Amino acid sequence: YALLASALQVVKPGCTLVYSTCALTPQENDGVIQKLLKKRADLFTVIPPAPLQWGEPTSHGWQIFPDQSEGWGPLYFCVLRRGDSC
């Protein structure tokens, strides 16, 4: 969480940041995004991902599982855009 929150501080307004992990646990994936939304929703918005061939959507991002993706994953990602009003 602290690393992502710090990264969002230096991203220019209007620019995007991709948060990605190789974790399967919701605590390390959507949980981090949810905590960031709770504490710093004024700083960014979550950009919903376009549907991909593999994986499935989560609350805030996309999760790819190795058993469903021809060897890709595990992979989680969430795209964040820094707000223009920062």
Protein backbone atom coordinates (compact mmCIF):
# COMPACT_ATOMS: atom_id res chain seq x y z
CA TYR A 1 0.00 0.00 0.00
CA ALA A 2 2.69 2.50 1.01
CA LEU A 3 4.66 1.95 -2.19
CA LEU A 4 1.59 2.46 -4.38
CA ALA A 5 0.44 5.53 -2.42
CA SER A 6 3.92 7.05 -2.81
CA ALA A 7 3.99 6.30 -6.53
CA LEU A 8 0.65 8.05 -7.03
CA GLN A 9 2.07 11.15 -5.36
CA VAL A 10 4.66 11.57 -8.14
CA VAL A 11 2.47 10.69 -11.13
CA LYS A 12 1.48 13.83 -13.02
CA PRO A 13 -2.22 14.72 -13.07
CA GLY A 14 -3.98 13.07 -16.00
CA CYS A 15 -1.37 10.29 -16.26
CA THR A 16 -1.86 6.60 -15.51
CA LEU A 17 -0.16 4.09 -13.27
CA VAL A 18 -0.51 0.31 -13.47
CA TYR A 19 -0.46 -1.59 -10.19
CA SER A 20 0.48 -5.21 -10.83
CA THR A 21 1.34 -8.23 -8.70
CA CYS A 22 2.01 -11.91 -9.17
CA ALA A 23 -0.12 -12.67 -6.09
CA LEU A 24 -3.34 -14.63 -5.92
CA THR A 25 -4.59 -13.18 -2.64
CA PRO A 26 -7.24 -10.46 -2.67
CA GLN A 27 -5.42 -8.72 0.20
CA GLU A 28 -2.43 -7.98 -2.05
CA ASN A 29 -4.55 -7.10 -5.08
CA ASP A 30 -8.00 -5.52 -4.78
CA GLY A 31 -7.42 -5.12 -1.05
CA VAL A 32 -4.59 -2.65 -1.66
CA ILE A 33 -6.70 -0.73 -4.17
CA GLN A 34 -9.67 -0.68 -1.78
CA LYS A 35 -7.49 0.70 1.02
CA LEU A 36 -6.16 3.36 -1.35
CA LEU A 37 -9.71 4.28 -2.38
CA LYS A 38 -10.72 4.58 1.26
CA LYS A 39 -7.81 6.86 2.14
CA ARG A 40 -7.00 8.71 -1.11
CA ALA A 41 -10.00 8.57 -3.47
CA ASP A 42 -9.45 12.27 -4.11
CA LEU A 43 -6.12 11.50 -5.81
CA PHE A 44 -7.08 8.99 -8.53
CA THR A 45 -9.74 6.97 -10.31
CA VAL A 46 -9.71 3.30 -11.26
CA ILE A 47 -9.90 2.67 -15.00
CA PRO A 48 -11.81 -0.57 -15.69
CA PRO A 49 -9.82 -2.92 -17.92
CA ALA A 50 -11.13 -4.01 -21.29
CA PRO A 51 -12.04 -7.70 -21.37
CA LEU A 52 -9.08 -9.93 -22.12
CA GLN A 53 -8.84 -13.38 -23.65
CA TRP A 54 -7.66 -14.85 -20.34
CA GLY A 55 -8.55 -14.29 -16.73
CA GLU A 56 -11.48 -12.56 -15.16
CA PRO A 57 -12.38 -9.16 -13.77
CA THR A 58 -12.09 -8.43 -10.07
CA SER A 59 -13.65 -5.58 -8.12
CA HIS A 60 -11.02 -3.12 -9.33
CA GLY A 61 -8.75 -4.89 -11.82
CA TRP A 62 -8.13 -8.11 -13.69
CA GLN A 63 -6.75 -11.48 -12.49
CA ILE A 64 -5.12 -14.05 -14.76
CA PHE A 65 -4.72 -17.60 -13.47
CA PRO A 66 -2.05 -19.97 -14.85
CA ASP A 67 -4.42 -22.92 -15.19
CA GLN A 68 -6.77 -20.90 -17.42
CA SER A 69 -4.31 -18.99 -19.61
CA GLU A 70 -1.84 -21.21 -21.44
CA GLY A 71 0.86 -20.62 -18.82
CA TRP A 72 0.35 -16.93 -18.09
CA GLY A 73 0.05 -15.82 -14.51
CA PRO A 74 -0.66 -15.60 -11.80
CA LEU A 75 -1.06 -11.95 -12.62
CA TYR A 76 -3.18 -9.15 -11.23
CA PHE A 77 -3.31 -5.60 -12.53
CA CYS A 78 -5.28 -2.43 -11.96
CA VAL A 79 -4.99 0.79 -13.95
CA LEU A 80 -5.17 4.04 -11.98
CA ARG A 81 -5.44 7.55 -13.38
CA ARG A 82 -4.35 10.53 -11.35
CA GLY A 83 -7.06 13.16 -11.20
CA ASP A 84 -6.72 16.51 -12.91
CA SER A 85 -7.66 18.40 -9.74
CA CYS A 86 -4.58 17.37 -7.77
